[in-house]
Amino acid sequence: MESYSGKTISWELKDDVVELVLHRAPANEIGSETLEELERFVAELEGVVEGALGPTSGRPSAALLSASLGTGGTRWEPLAALVVHSMEKAGFSAGADLRELYHKAQGMGKAEATAGVRSFLERIHKVLNTIDAAPLVTIAAVHGVCFGGGLELALACDLIVADKMARFAFPELRLGLVPGFGGIPRLKRDVGNAVVRDLLLTGRSFNAQKANAVGLVSQVAAEGEALRVARATAAQVRKFDRGTTAAAKRFLKPVPHEELRREIELFCELFTRPAVMAGLKKFVESTEAMPYLP
């Protein structure tokens, strides 16, 4: 997976670290095109892992880990880390492409619209679950807005390094929805209940300092320095045995599969309610420069 340059994302592998770059203007909204390219990325990522380990569905077996951790074993995984960052000035990602979501639902019956949303959610969950469980250290370098689906992508990573001007939010309740890309289970896994309720039920944003204080963010960098700090962190990770890192990660960070499935069901249940369509319509018709801001 040496390199790839697409319409919405790019990636490059260098020195055992792969960098995934988001570059869909204006704010890396995640729609069908981005999803397709992300699916291509995780397929490449799984291919690298399986090429080193044999078929594993992206997760090394206990036997393979045991072998790799034994004395005289080889470094089984050629990748040490993944760094995800954005080239867009607005920030890391404003979340799902709500305009596409709204327009696709128009003219559809309830059952057809729900089926379309379910398919999209199941696909994006597969992408984020793969990143979440990947046997390497994953780092999100965040600046600017990191809202909704963008925050859900960051939460799938092991570490979040935030520019001091970054802002984090789940504004979905403004639309009558809940996060749908896995945000609730991953947020519950990573921080305390008070933080989860604050972000979800108020829709307001956290700055980088508060996000760091509550454990959402691992490091706060100076303005414009998040990517540099993330790269330095990846360089530190390269010093350690890959098998040990993978074993530690699996122990520390289980993927909450059952809760993730329940989140999809809840989102689909809410999606076709009149309040949701009204909220999406208001968003789509907004003339504000950044209508996604809380």
Protein backbone atom coordinates (compact mmCIF):
# COMPACT_ATOMS: atom_id res chain seq x y z
CA MET A 1 0.00 0.00 0.00
CA GLU A 2 2.83 2.35 -0.92
CA SER A 3 0.69 5.32 -1.98
CA TYR A 4 -2.66 6.37 -3.38
CA SER A 5 -4.18 9.70 -4.37
CA GLY A 6 -7.96 9.85 -4.64
CA LYS A 7 -10.60 12.54 -4.88
CA THR A 8 -11.27 12.71 -1.13
CA ILE A 9 -8.39 10.90 0.58
CA SER A 10 -4.78 9.96 -0.08
CA TRP A 11 -2.26 7.79 1.69
CA GLU A 12 1.47 7.14 1.67
CA LEU A 13 3.63 4.58 3.42
CA LYS A 14 7.03 5.73 4.66
CA ASP A 15 9.34 4.27 7.30
CA ASP A 16 6.78 1.74 8.56
CA VAL A 17 4.19 4.50 9.10
CA VAL A 18 1.22 5.08 6.80
CA GLU A 19 -0.34 8.54 6.64
CA LEU A 20 -3.99 8.82 5.62
CA VAL A 21 -4.85 12.33 4.44
CA LEU A 22 -8.40 13.72 4.24
CA HIS A 23 -8.84 16.35 1.53
CA ARG A 24 -12.45 16.75 0.51
CA ALA A 25 -13.35 20.46 0.52
CA PRO A 26 -14.68 22.28 2.38
CA ALA A 27 -14.56 20.24 5.61
CA ASN A 28 -14.08 16.54 4.78
CA GLU A 29 -17.76 15.65 4.93
CA ILE A 30 -18.04 11.87 4.77
CA GLY A 31 -20.34 10.78 1.95
CA SER A 32 -20.49 7.94 -0.57
CA GLU A 33 -17.33 8.91 -2.43
CA THR A 34 -15.25 9.23 0.73
CA LEU A 35 -16.67 5.95 2.03
CA GLU A 36 -15.68 4.13 -1.16
CA GLU A 37 -12.13 5.41 -0.90
CA LEU A 38 -11.95 4.58 2.81
CA GLU A 39 -13.09 1.05 1.96
CA ARG A 40 -10.24 0.84 -0.51
CA PHE A 41 -7.84 2.01 2.19
CA VAL A 42 -8.90 -0.56 4.81
CA ALA A 43 -8.81 -3.31 2.18
CA GLU A 44 -5.18 -2.35 1.49
CA LEU A 45 -4.48 -2.20 5.23
CA GLU A 46 -5.97 -5.65 5.82
CA GLY A 47 -4.01 -6.95 2.84
CA VAL A 48 -0.73 -5.82 4.38
CA VAL A 49 -1.59 -7.46 7.69
CA GLU A 50 -2.77 -10.70 6.09
CA GLY A 51 0.28 -10.75 3.83
CA ALA A 52 2.47 -10.78 6.92
CA LEU A 53 0.36 -13.05 9.12
CA GLY A 54 -1.83 -15.13 6.85
CA PRO A 55 -5.65 -14.72 6.89
CA THR A 56 -6.66 -12.95 10.09
CA SER A 57 -9.58 -10.65 9.21
CA GLY A 58 -7.33 -7.84 10.40
CA ARG A 59 -6.87 -9.36 13.87
CA PRO A 60 -3.91 -11.62 14.71
CA SER A 61 -4.76 -14.95 16.27
CA ALA A 62 -3.45 -15.91 19.69
CA ALA A 63 -1.22 -18.55 18.09
CA LEU A 64 0.31 -16.07 15.68
CA LEU A 65 0.86 -13.53 18.43
CA SER A 66 2.42 -16.19 20.61
CA ALA A 67 4.78 -17.17 17.83
CA SER A 68 5.71 -13.57 17.08
CA LEU A 69 6.39 -12.84 20.74
CA GLY A 70 8.64 -15.87 21.20
CA THR A 71 12.40 -15.56 21.37
CA GLY A 72 14.00 -15.38 17.99
CA GLY A 73 10.66 -14.47 16.36
CA THR A 74 10.45 -12.08 13.45
CA ARG A 75 8.67 -8.75 13.39
CA TRP A 76 5.42 -10.00 11.94
CA GLU A 77 3.82 -6.67 11.04
CA PRO A 78 5.52 -4.26 8.59
CA LEU A 79 3.47 -1.28 9.78
CA ALA A 80 4.14 0.44 13.09
CA ALA A 81 1.57 3.22 12.99
CA LEU A 82 -1.17 4.99 11.09
CA VAL A 83 -1.51 8.78 11.23
CA VAL A 84 -4.80 10.29 10.04
CA HIS A 85 -4.92 14.02 9.32
CA SER A 86 -6.59 16.65 7.16
CA MET A 87 -5.35 19.06 4.51
CA GLU A 88 -8.49 21.21 4.75
CA LYS A 89 -8.26 24.54 6.54
CA ALA A 90 -11.69 24.09 8.19
CA GLY A 91 -10.47 21.15 10.19
CA PHE A 92 -10.29 17.39 10.55
CA SER A 93 -13.89 16.61 9.51
CA ALA A 94 -17.32 18.18 9.96
CA GLY A 95 -18.91 14.72 9.90
CA ALA A 96 -21.35 12.97 7.60
CA ASP A 97 -22.38 14.54 4.29
CA LEU A 98 -25.83 15.63 5.44
CA ARG A 99 -26.74 17.15 2.09
CA GLU A 100 -26.18 13.84 0.34
CA LEU A 101 -28.09 12.05 3.09
CA TYR A 102 -31.07 14.39 2.70
CA HIS A 103 -31.19 14.37 -1.10
CA LYS A 104 -30.93 10.58 -1.31
CA ALA A 105 -33.90 10.22 1.04
CA GLN A 106 -36.14 12.48 -1.03
CA GLY A 107 -38.71 10.63 -3.08
CA MET A 108 -38.10 7.36 -1.24
CA GLY A 109 -40.53 5.50 0.92
CA LYS A 110 -39.70 4.93 4.57
CA ALA A 111 -38.55 1.36 4.06
CA GLU A 112 -36.33 2.22 1.07
CA ALA A 113 -34.77 5.24 2.82
CA THR A 114 -34.09 3.21 5.96
CA ALA A 115 -32.51 0.39 3.94
CA GLY A 116 -30.20 2.87 2.20
CA VAL A 117 -29.11 4.42 5.48
CA ARG A 118 -28.58 1.01 7.06
CA SER A 119 -26.34 -0.08 4.18
CA PHE A 120 -24.24 3.08 4.47
CA LEU A 121 -23.90 2.70 8.25
CA GLU A 122 -22.93 -0.96 8.04
CA ARG A 123 -20.23 -0.09 5.50
CA ILE A 124 -18.78 2.82 7.50
CA HIS A 125 -18.88 0.71 10.67
CA LYS A 126 -16.83 -1.96 8.92
CA VAL A 127 -14.26 0.66 7.94
CA LEU A 128 -14.01 2.16 11.42
CA ASN A 129 -14.01 -1.24 13.14
CA THR A 130 -11.06 -2.26 10.97
CA ILE A 131 -9.13 0.87 11.94
CA ASP A 132 -10.14 0.40 15.58
CA ALA A 133 -8.89 -3.20 15.71
CA ALA A 134 -5.86 -2.86 13.43
CA PRO A 135 -2.73 -4.36 15.07
CA LEU A 136 -0.77 -1.11 14.87
CA VAL A 137 -0.95 2.21 16.69
CA THR A 138 -3.43 4.61 15.08
CA ILE A 139 -3.16 8.35 15.69
CA ALA A 140 -5.57 11.11 14.68
CA ALA A 141 -3.91 14.54 14.24
CA VAL A 142 -6.81 16.96 14.65
CA HIS A 143 -7.17 20.65 13.93
CA GLY A 144 -10.23 22.85 13.54
CA VAL A 145 -13.63 21.15 13.53
CA CYS A 146 -13.89 17.52 14.58
CA PHE A 147 -17.64 16.97 14.69
CA GLY A 148 -20.08 14.10 14.31
CA GLY A 149 -18.69 11.47 11.96
CA GLY A 150 -15.30 13.19 12.03
CA LEU A 151 -15.12 12.71 15.79
CA GLU A 152 -16.23 9.12 15.29
CA LEU A 153 -13.31 8.56 12.91
CA ALA A 154 -10.93 10.10 15.47
CA LEU A 155 -12.41 7.92 18.24
CA ALA A 156 -11.64 4.80 16.19
CA CYS A 157 -7.96 5.75 16.51
CA ASP A 158 -5.89 4.83 19.56
CA LEU A 159 -4.62 8.35 20.22
CA ILE A 160 -5.89 11.84 19.37
CA VAL A 161 -3.36 14.65 19.11
CA ALA A 162 -5.19 17.98 19.00
CA ASP A 163 -4.18 21.42 17.81
CA LYS A 164 -4.97 23.82 20.65
CA MET A 165 -7.62 25.46 18.42
CA ALA A 166 -9.44 22.17 17.68
CA ARG A 167 -13.08 21.72 18.68
CA PHE A 168 -14.97 18.48 19.30
CA ALA A 169 -18.74 17.97 19.20
CA PHE A 170 -21.62 15.59 18.56
CA PRO A 171 -24.30 17.98 17.22
CA GLU A 172 -26.59 15.21 15.93
CA LEU A 173 -29.40 15.86 18.43
CA ARG A 174 -30.00 19.19 16.65
CA LEU A 175 -31.26 17.04 13.76
CA GLY A 176 -33.23 14.63 15.90
CA LEU A 177 -30.56 11.96 15.47
CA VAL A 178 -27.80 10.27 17.42
CA PRO A 179 -24.25 9.64 16.18
CA GLY A 180 -24.38 6.75 13.73
CA PHE A 181 -20.76 5.89 12.86
CA GLY A 182 -20.02 4.22 16.22
CA GLY A 183 -19.51 7.32 18.32
CA ILE A 184 -21.61 6.44 21.36
CA PRO A 185 -20.03 3.04 22.16
CA ARG A 186 -16.49 4.28 21.50
CA LEU A 187 -16.99 7.43 23.57
CA LYS A 188 -18.42 5.31 26.42
CA ARG A 189 -15.41 3.02 26.16
CA ASP A 190 -12.90 5.85 26.37
CA VAL A 191 -14.26 8.47 28.81
CA GLY A 192 -16.56 8.85 31.81
CA ASN A 193 -20.35 8.93 31.70
CA ALA A 194 -20.57 12.64 32.55
CA VAL A 195 -18.49 13.50 29.48
CA VAL A 196 -20.56 11.23 27.24
CA ARG A 197 -23.82 12.81 28.38
CA ASP A 198 -22.45 16.34 28.09
CA LEU A 199 -21.31 15.88 24.49
CA LEU A 200 -24.38 13.94 23.35
CA LEU A 201 -27.22 15.65 25.19
CA THR A 202 -26.13 19.30 24.88
CA GLY A 203 -24.61 19.23 21.39
CA ARG A 204 -22.06 21.81 22.48
CA SER A 205 -18.39 21.63 21.60
CA PHE A 206 -15.32 20.98 23.72
CA ASN A 207 -12.10 22.85 23.08
CA ALA A 208 -8.81 20.95 22.98
CA GLN A 209 -7.92 21.79 26.57
CA LYS A 210 -11.19 20.41 27.95
CA ALA A 211 -10.98 17.39 25.67
CA ASN A 212 -7.51 16.69 27.07
CA ALA A 213 -8.65 17.19 30.67
CA VAL A 214 -11.46 14.61 30.35
CA GLY A 215 -9.28 12.03 28.56
CA LEU A 216 -10.69 12.38 25.05
CA VAL A 217 -7.39 13.78 23.72
CA SER A 218 -3.97 12.39 24.63
CA GLN A 219 -1.86 15.41 23.67
CA VAL A 220 -2.50 19.09 22.92
CA ALA A 221 -0.14 20.70 20.43
CA ALA A 222 0.55 24.32 19.59
CA GLU A 223 -1.48 25.81 16.75
CA GLY A 224 -0.47 24.18 13.48
CA GLU A 225 1.67 21.56 15.23
CA ALA A 226 -0.69 18.59 15.66
CA LEU A 227 0.65 16.68 12.66
CA ARG A 228 4.27 17.21 13.70
CA VAL A 229 3.50 15.89 17.20
CA ALA A 230 1.56 12.93 15.77
CA ARG A 231 4.51 12.07 13.52
CA ALA A 232 6.89 12.27 16.49
CA THR A 233 4.57 9.94 18.42
CA ALA A 234 4.56 7.50 15.49
CA ALA A 235 8.36 7.60 15.46
CA GLN A 236 8.36 6.66 19.16
CA VAL A 237 5.99 3.76 18.47
CA ARG A 238 8.38 2.38 15.83
CA LYS A 239 10.90 1.56 18.57
CA PHE A 240 8.75 -1.19 20.08
CA ASP A 241 8.12 -4.80 19.10
CA ARG A 242 5.06 -4.93 16.85
CA GLY A 243 3.69 -8.15 18.28
CA THR A 244 3.84 -6.82 21.83
CA THR A 245 2.12 -3.61 20.77
CA ALA A 246 -0.65 -5.55 19.03
CA ALA A 247 -1.19 -7.80 22.07
CA ALA A 248 -1.33 -4.80 24.42
CA LYS A 249 -3.76 -2.97 22.16
CA ARG A 250 -6.14 -5.91 21.96
CA PHE A 251 -6.15 -6.14 25.76
CA LEU A 252 -6.58 -2.40 26.33
CA LYS A 253 -9.07 -1.57 23.58
CA PRO A 254 -11.77 -4.15 22.85
CA VAL A 255 -14.15 -3.23 20.04
CA PRO A 256 -17.72 -2.94 21.46
CA HIS A 257 -19.36 -4.87 18.61
CA GLU A 258 -22.75 -5.48 20.26
CA GLU A 259 -23.25 -1.83 21.22
CA LEU A 260 -22.16 -0.76 17.74
CA ARG A 261 -24.87 -2.95 16.20
CA ARG A 262 -27.45 -1.49 18.56
CA GLU A 263 -26.40 2.03 17.59
CA ILE A 264 -27.14 1.27 13.93
CA GLU A 265 -30.61 0.04 14.90
CA LEU A 266 -31.31 3.19 16.93
CA PHE A 267 -30.14 5.50 14.14
CA CYS A 268 -32.31 3.71 11.58
CA GLU A 269 -35.29 3.85 13.91
CA LEU A 270 -34.92 7.63 14.27
CA PHE A 271 -33.93 8.48 10.71
CA THR A 272 -37.31 8.69 8.96
CA ARG A 273 -39.09 10.61 11.70
CA PRO A 274 -40.53 13.97 10.52
CA ALA A 275 -38.30 15.91 12.95
CA VAL A 276 -35.21 14.45 11.31
CA MET A 277 -36.28 15.31 7.77
CA ALA A 278 -37.16 18.83 8.95
CA GLY A 279 -33.75 19.21 10.59
CA LEU A 280 -31.92 17.97 7.51
CA LYS A 281 -33.97 20.27 5.26
CA LYS A 282 -33.08 23.25 7.45
CA PHE A 283 -29.40 22.30 7.29
CA VAL A 284 -29.42 21.86 3.52
CA GLU A 285 -31.17 25.19 2.95
CA SER A 286 -28.93 27.10 5.37
CA THR A 287 -26.96 30.01 3.90
CA GLU A 288 -24.48 30.09 6.79
CA ALA A 289 -20.83 29.63 5.89
CA MET A 290 -20.48 26.72 8.32
CA PRO A 291 -23.97 25.41 9.15
CA TYR A 292 -22.50 22.40 10.96
CA LEU A 293 -21.18 24.51 13.84
CA PRO A 294 -23.03 23.92 17.14
